[in-house]
Each structure stands twice: as C-alpha cells, then as structure tokens.
C-alpha cells in the first residue's frame, strides 16, 4: 500500500522534508525556506501535516540507526588565541600537571607551562 497516495508532491520530496525536520531539529518554516531555494514551493502547514503523518516512521528509523555516544570523550588538543595568533596546544603533556589537585596553584602552573612552550 502506498502511504504517499493522494499527495501533491512526490514521495522523495515529502520524505526529504520529514527527514530534515527529525534529523536536524529544524522548524517547519526553515524546511519551507530550504526547499524553496531548490524551487520546491509549498507551505509550512504542509510540512506540519507530513511530519505528523509520516514522522513516527522516520523518527523510529533514525533512533534505530543512531550509534549513540560513549561515556568518554578524548580531547587531544586545544585551540587558543594568544596575542591574536591562533595556536594549537597539545594537552597530553599538561594533564599530569592538572590531576594532582584542582586548586588554583595547579591551574596557574599548567597555564605557565602552556605559555612557556608556546612562546
């Protein structure tokens, strides 16, 4: 059974609009504007109706395909600006200076180490 039967636009356009809504959390008017740039003209009310009618299928499919995020994030470097110049600072060597305590002295020591290596 064709669920897109008796709709004015082809299934590809409808599914793309619904996918945009659920994947990128855009408003109905944003989707209307995005597709208007591609010369596909319709109202935001149509997007609202499509999302209500076909949205559960797409949301379920997106959640099923989502790999999820882990518990740990690894940050290897930081980008900072010193005197207007962007610098790439590796953080691996500075982690040991920050771990003994979270007091002010360890933070200032770490900042001093970063400035010494950068300059």
N, C-alpha and C. Protein backbone atom coordinates (compact mmCIF):
# COMPACT_ATOMS: atom_id res chain seq x y z
N UNK A 1 0.83 -1.17 0.00
CA UNK A 1 0.00 0.00 0.00
C UNK A 1 0.89 1.25 0.00
N UNK A 2 0.58 2.19 -0.86
CA UNK A 2 1.36 3.41 -0.98
C UNK A 2 0.83 4.44 0.02
N UNK A 3 1.63 4.78 1.01
CA UNK A 3 1.19 5.74 2.03
C UNK A 3 1.23 7.17 1.52
N UNK A 4 1.92 7.41 0.40
CA UNK A 4 2.02 8.75 -0.15
C UNK A 4 0.94 9.02 -1.20
N UNK A 5 -0.01 8.13 -1.33
CA UNK A 5 -1.07 8.27 -2.32
C UNK A 5 -1.92 9.50 -2.00
N UNK A 6 -2.33 10.20 -3.02
CA UNK A 6 -3.19 11.39 -2.94
C UNK A 6 -2.48 12.59 -2.31
N UNK A 7 -1.16 12.62 -2.42
CA UNK A 7 -0.40 13.80 -2.03
C UNK A 7 0.08 14.50 -3.29
N UNK A 8 0.17 15.82 -3.20
CA UNK A 8 0.52 16.62 -4.36
C UNK A 8 1.97 16.45 -4.78
N UNK A 9 2.85 16.27 -3.81
CA UNK A 9 4.28 16.17 -4.10
C UNK A 9 4.73 14.72 -4.12
N UNK A 10 5.80 14.43 -4.85
CA UNK A 10 6.29 13.05 -4.90
C UNK A 10 6.82 12.58 -3.54
N UNK A 11 6.87 11.28 -3.34
CA UNK A 11 7.35 10.74 -2.05
C UNK A 11 8.75 11.17 -1.68
N UNK A 12 9.63 11.39 -2.66
CA UNK A 12 11.00 11.80 -2.35
C UNK A 12 11.04 13.16 -1.67
N UNK A 13 10.23 14.08 -2.13
CA UNK A 13 10.21 15.43 -1.54
C UNK A 13 9.61 15.38 -0.14
N UNK A 14 8.53 14.64 0.01
CA UNK A 14 7.88 14.53 1.32
C UNK A 14 8.82 13.88 2.31
N UNK A 15 9.45 12.79 1.91
CA UNK A 15 10.35 12.09 2.83
C UNK A 15 11.57 12.94 3.17
N UNK A 16 12.06 13.73 2.22
CA UNK A 16 13.20 14.61 2.49
C UNK A 16 12.83 15.69 3.50
N UNK A 17 11.65 16.27 3.35
CA UNK A 17 11.19 17.31 4.27
C UNK A 17 11.02 16.75 5.68
N UNK A 18 10.43 15.59 5.79
CA UNK A 18 10.22 14.97 7.11
C UNK A 18 11.55 14.56 7.72
N UNK A 19 12.46 14.06 6.89
CA UNK A 19 13.78 13.68 7.38
C UNK A 19 14.53 14.91 7.90
N UNK A 20 14.46 16.04 7.19
CA UNK A 20 15.10 17.26 7.66
C UNK A 20 14.56 17.69 9.02
N UNK A 21 13.25 17.59 9.18
CA UNK A 21 12.62 18.01 10.43
C UNK A 21 13.11 17.17 11.60
N UNK A 22 13.15 15.86 11.41
CA UNK A 22 13.51 14.97 12.53
C UNK A 22 15.02 14.84 12.72
N UNK A 23 15.79 14.95 11.67
CA UNK A 23 17.23 14.75 11.80
C UNK A 23 17.94 15.98 12.34
N UNK A 24 17.55 17.17 11.88
CA UNK A 24 18.28 18.38 12.24
C UNK A 24 17.50 19.32 13.14
N UNK A 25 16.32 18.92 13.58
CA UNK A 25 15.50 19.69 14.51
C UNK A 25 15.23 21.10 13.97
N UNK A 26 14.84 21.17 12.70
CA UNK A 26 14.51 22.43 12.07
C UNK A 26 13.03 22.74 12.25
N UNK A 27 12.68 24.00 12.14
CA UNK A 27 11.27 24.37 12.20
C UNK A 27 10.63 24.11 10.84
N UNK A 28 9.30 24.14 10.81
CA UNK A 28 8.58 23.91 9.56
C UNK A 28 8.91 25.02 8.55
N UNK A 29 9.04 26.23 9.03
CA UNK A 29 9.36 27.35 8.12
C UNK A 29 10.79 27.26 7.61
N UNK A 30 11.71 26.74 8.42
CA UNK A 30 13.08 26.54 7.94
C UNK A 30 13.11 25.54 6.79
N UNK A 31 12.34 24.47 6.94
CA UNK A 31 12.29 23.46 5.88
C UNK A 31 11.65 24.05 4.63
N UNK A 32 10.61 24.84 4.83
CA UNK A 32 9.98 25.52 3.70
C UNK A 32 10.99 26.40 2.97
N UNK A 33 11.79 27.15 3.70
CA UNK A 33 12.79 28.03 3.09
C UNK A 33 13.89 27.24 2.39
N UNK A 34 14.35 26.14 3.02
CA UNK A 34 15.40 25.33 2.41
C UNK A 34 14.96 24.76 1.06
N UNK A 35 13.74 24.24 1.03
CA UNK A 35 13.28 23.65 -0.21
C UNK A 35 12.84 24.71 -1.22
N UNK A 36 12.49 25.90 -0.76
CA UNK A 36 12.16 26.98 -1.69
C UNK A 36 13.41 27.42 -2.45
N UNK A 37 14.58 27.30 -1.83
CA UNK A 37 15.82 27.61 -2.54
C UNK A 37 16.07 26.64 -3.69
N UNK A 38 15.47 25.47 -3.61
CA UNK A 38 15.58 24.48 -4.68
C UNK A 38 14.37 24.50 -5.60
N UNK A 39 13.60 25.59 -5.55
CA UNK A 39 12.41 25.78 -6.38
C UNK A 39 11.32 24.76 -6.12
N UNK A 40 11.20 24.33 -4.88
CA UNK A 40 10.09 23.47 -4.47
C UNK A 40 9.26 24.30 -3.50
N UNK A 41 8.11 24.75 -3.96
CA UNK A 41 7.31 25.71 -3.21
C UNK A 41 6.11 25.01 -2.58
N UNK A 42 6.01 25.12 -1.28
CA UNK A 42 4.84 24.65 -0.53
C UNK A 42 4.80 25.40 0.78
N UNK A 43 3.75 25.24 1.53
CA UNK A 43 3.58 25.97 2.78
C UNK A 43 4.12 25.19 3.97
N UNK A 44 4.32 25.91 5.05
CA UNK A 44 4.81 25.25 6.26
C UNK A 44 3.73 24.37 6.87
N UNK A 45 2.47 24.65 6.55
CA UNK A 45 1.38 23.80 7.03
C UNK A 45 1.48 22.39 6.42
N UNK A 46 1.93 22.32 5.17
CA UNK A 46 2.11 21.02 4.53
C UNK A 46 3.19 20.22 5.24
N UNK A 47 4.27 20.89 5.63
CA UNK A 47 5.34 20.21 6.35
C UNK A 47 4.82 19.70 7.70
N UNK A 48 4.01 20.51 8.36
CA UNK A 48 3.46 20.11 9.65
C UNK A 48 2.58 18.87 9.49
N UNK A 49 1.76 18.84 8.46
CA UNK A 49 0.89 17.67 8.22
C UNK A 49 1.72 16.44 7.88
N UNK A 50 2.74 16.62 7.03
CA UNK A 50 3.60 15.50 6.67
C UNK A 50 4.34 14.95 7.87
N UNK A 51 4.83 15.85 8.72
CA UNK A 51 5.58 15.40 9.89
C UNK A 51 4.68 14.66 10.88
N UNK A 52 3.45 15.11 10.96
CA UNK A 52 2.53 14.41 11.86
C UNK A 52 2.13 13.05 11.30
N UNK A 53 1.98 12.97 9.97
CA UNK A 53 1.54 11.73 9.35
C UNK A 53 2.67 10.71 9.20
N UNK A 54 3.84 11.17 8.74
CA UNK A 54 4.93 10.24 8.44
C UNK A 54 6.07 10.31 9.45
N UNK A 55 6.00 11.19 10.41
CA UNK A 55 7.12 11.44 11.30
C UNK A 55 7.50 10.28 12.19
N UNK A 56 6.53 9.52 12.65
CA UNK A 56 6.84 8.41 13.55
C UNK A 56 7.74 7.38 12.88
N UNK A 57 7.51 7.12 11.59
CA UNK A 57 8.34 6.17 10.86
C UNK A 57 9.79 6.64 10.79
N UNK A 58 9.98 7.92 10.46
CA UNK A 58 11.33 8.45 10.31
C UNK A 58 12.04 8.57 11.67
N UNK A 59 11.32 9.00 12.68
CA UNK A 59 11.93 9.12 14.00
C UNK A 59 12.36 7.75 14.50
N UNK A 60 11.53 6.74 14.30
CA UNK A 60 11.88 5.38 14.72
C UNK A 60 13.10 4.88 13.96
N UNK A 61 13.15 5.14 12.66
CA UNK A 61 14.29 4.69 11.85
C UNK A 61 15.57 5.42 12.24
N UNK A 62 15.48 6.72 12.51
CA UNK A 62 16.68 7.47 12.92
C UNK A 62 17.19 7.00 14.27
N UNK A 63 16.29 6.74 15.22
CA UNK A 63 16.72 6.27 16.54
C UNK A 63 17.34 4.88 16.45
N UNK A 64 16.81 4.04 15.57
CA UNK A 64 17.35 2.70 15.43
C UNK A 64 18.74 2.72 14.82
N UNK A 65 18.99 3.62 13.87
CA UNK A 65 20.29 3.70 13.20
C UNK A 65 21.31 4.51 13.99
N UNK A 66 20.89 5.22 15.02
CA UNK A 66 21.80 6.05 15.80
C UNK A 66 22.73 5.18 16.63
N UNK A 67 24.03 5.40 16.49
CA UNK A 67 25.01 4.59 17.19
C UNK A 67 25.16 4.99 18.65
N UNK A 68 24.80 6.20 18.98
CA UNK A 68 24.94 6.65 20.36
C UNK A 68 26.32 7.20 20.62
N UNK A 69 26.46 7.76 21.76
CA UNK A 69 27.73 8.34 22.15
C UNK A 69 28.26 7.56 23.34
N UNK A 70 29.56 7.47 23.44
CA UNK A 70 30.17 6.76 24.55
C UNK A 70 30.19 7.60 25.81
N UNK A 71 30.69 7.01 26.87
CA UNK A 71 30.79 7.70 28.15
C UNK A 71 32.02 8.58 28.23
N UNK A 72 33.01 8.32 27.38
CA UNK A 72 34.29 9.02 27.49
C UNK A 72 34.56 9.81 26.22
N UNK A 73 34.98 11.03 26.40
CA UNK A 73 35.41 11.85 25.28
C UNK A 73 36.90 12.11 25.45
N UNK A 74 37.66 11.94 24.39
CA UNK A 74 39.09 12.17 24.42
C UNK A 74 39.40 13.48 23.72
N UNK A 75 40.05 14.37 24.42
CA UNK A 75 40.43 15.65 23.85
C UNK A 75 41.95 15.68 23.81
N UNK A 76 42.49 15.76 22.61
CA UNK A 76 43.94 15.69 22.45
C UNK A 76 44.60 17.05 22.36
N UNK A 77 43.86 18.05 21.95
CA UNK A 77 44.47 19.34 21.74
C UNK A 77 43.45 20.44 21.95
N UNK A 78 43.94 21.63 22.14
CA UNK A 78 43.08 22.80 22.32
C UNK A 78 43.56 23.89 21.40
N UNK A 79 42.65 24.70 20.94
CA UNK A 79 42.98 25.83 20.09
C UNK A 79 42.74 27.10 20.90
N UNK A 80 43.79 27.88 21.10
CA UNK A 80 43.69 29.11 21.88
C UNK A 80 44.27 30.26 21.07
N UNK A 81 43.87 31.46 21.43
CA UNK A 81 44.44 32.65 20.82
C UNK A 81 45.25 33.39 21.86
N UNK A 82 46.53 33.62 21.56
CA UNK A 82 47.40 34.39 22.43
C UNK A 82 47.97 35.52 21.59
N UNK A 83 47.71 36.73 22.00
CA UNK A 83 48.11 37.94 21.29
C UNK A 83 47.59 37.94 19.85
N UNK A 84 46.37 37.44 19.67
CA UNK A 84 45.73 37.46 18.35
C UNK A 84 46.16 36.36 17.41
N UNK A 85 47.08 35.49 17.82
CA UNK A 85 47.55 34.41 16.96
C UNK A 85 46.93 33.10 17.42
N UNK A 86 46.24 32.36 16.52
CA UNK A 86 45.68 31.07 16.91
C UNK A 86 46.79 30.03 17.08
N UNK A 87 46.75 29.31 18.18
CA UNK A 87 47.77 28.31 18.46
C UNK A 87 47.12 26.97 18.76
N UNK A 88 47.78 25.90 18.34
CA UNK A 88 47.33 24.54 18.61
C UNK A 88 48.18 24.01 19.76
N UNK A 89 47.55 23.74 20.90
CA UNK A 89 48.29 23.32 22.09
C UNK A 89 47.93 21.87 22.41
N UNK A 90 48.89 20.93 22.34
CA UNK A 90 48.60 19.55 22.73
C UNK A 90 48.43 19.46 24.25
N UNK A 91 47.42 18.73 24.68
CA UNK A 91 47.11 18.68 26.10
C UNK A 91 47.67 17.46 26.82
N UNK A 92 48.21 16.49 26.10
CA UNK A 92 48.67 15.27 26.75
C UNK A 92 49.74 15.52 27.81
N UNK A 93 50.68 16.41 27.50
CA UNK A 93 51.77 16.65 28.45
C UNK A 93 51.32 17.50 29.63
N UNK A 94 50.20 18.19 29.51
CA UNK A 94 49.76 19.07 30.59
C UNK A 94 48.74 18.42 31.52
N UNK A 95 48.27 17.24 31.17
CA UNK A 95 47.27 16.59 32.03
C UNK A 95 47.85 16.21 33.38
N UNK A 96 49.11 15.82 33.41
CA UNK A 96 49.73 15.44 34.68
C UNK A 96 49.82 16.62 35.64
N UNK A 97 49.99 17.82 35.11
CA UNK A 97 50.07 19.00 35.97
C UNK A 97 48.72 19.36 36.57
N UNK A 98 47.64 18.98 35.89
CA UNK A 98 46.30 19.34 36.37
C UNK A 98 45.70 18.30 37.31
N UNK A 99 46.14 17.05 37.25
CA UNK A 99 45.49 15.99 38.01
C UNK A 99 45.77 15.97 39.51
N UNK A 100 46.93 16.41 40.05
CA UNK A 100 47.14 16.26 41.49
C UNK A 100 46.08 16.95 42.34
N UNK A 101 45.72 18.15 42.00
CA UNK A 101 44.67 18.82 42.75
C UNK A 101 43.97 19.80 41.83
N UNK A 102 42.79 20.18 42.19
CA UNK A 102 42.06 21.12 41.37
C UNK A 102 42.16 22.54 41.92
N UNK A 103 43.13 22.77 42.75
CA UNK A 103 43.31 24.09 43.34
C UNK A 103 43.83 25.10 42.35
N UNK A 104 43.91 26.32 42.79
CA UNK A 104 44.34 27.42 41.93
C UNK A 104 45.80 27.27 41.50
N UNK A 105 46.64 26.74 42.38
CA UNK A 105 48.06 26.65 42.05
C UNK A 105 48.30 25.71 40.88
N UNK A 106 47.59 24.58 40.82
CA UNK A 106 47.82 23.65 39.71
C UNK A 106 47.35 24.25 38.39
N UNK A 107 46.27 25.03 38.44
CA UNK A 107 45.80 25.66 37.21
C UNK A 107 46.79 26.72 36.73
N UNK A 108 47.33 27.48 37.64
CA UNK A 108 48.29 28.50 37.22
C UNK A 108 49.58 27.86 36.75
N UNK A 109 49.99 26.76 37.39
CA UNK A 109 51.18 26.06 36.93
C UNK A 109 50.98 25.51 35.52
N UNK A 110 49.82 24.97 35.28
CA UNK A 110 49.52 24.43 33.96
C UNK A 110 49.51 25.54 32.92
N UNK A 111 48.90 26.67 33.26
CA UNK A 111 48.87 27.80 32.32
C UNK A 111 50.28 28.32 32.06
N UNK A 112 51.12 28.35 33.08
CA UNK A 112 52.50 28.80 32.90
C UNK A 112 53.26 27.84 31.99
N UNK A 113 53.01 26.52 32.14
CA UNK A 113 53.66 25.55 31.27
C UNK A 113 53.23 25.74 29.82
N UNK A 114 51.94 26.01 29.60
CA UNK A 114 51.45 26.22 28.23
C UNK A 114 52.10 27.44 27.64
N UNK A 115 52.17 28.52 28.37
CA UNK A 115 52.76 29.75 27.85
C UNK A 115 54.25 29.60 27.58
N UNK A 116 54.94 28.82 28.40
CA UNK A 116 56.38 28.60 28.19
C UNK A 116 56.61 27.84 26.90
N UNK A 117 55.80 26.82 26.63
CA UNK A 117 56.01 26.01 25.44
C UNK A 117 55.60 26.74 24.17
N UNK A 118 54.59 27.57 24.28
CA UNK A 118 54.10 28.28 23.10
C UNK A 118 55.04 29.39 22.69
N UNK A 119 55.59 30.11 23.65
CA UNK A 119 56.42 31.26 23.30
C UNK A 119 57.85 30.88 22.98
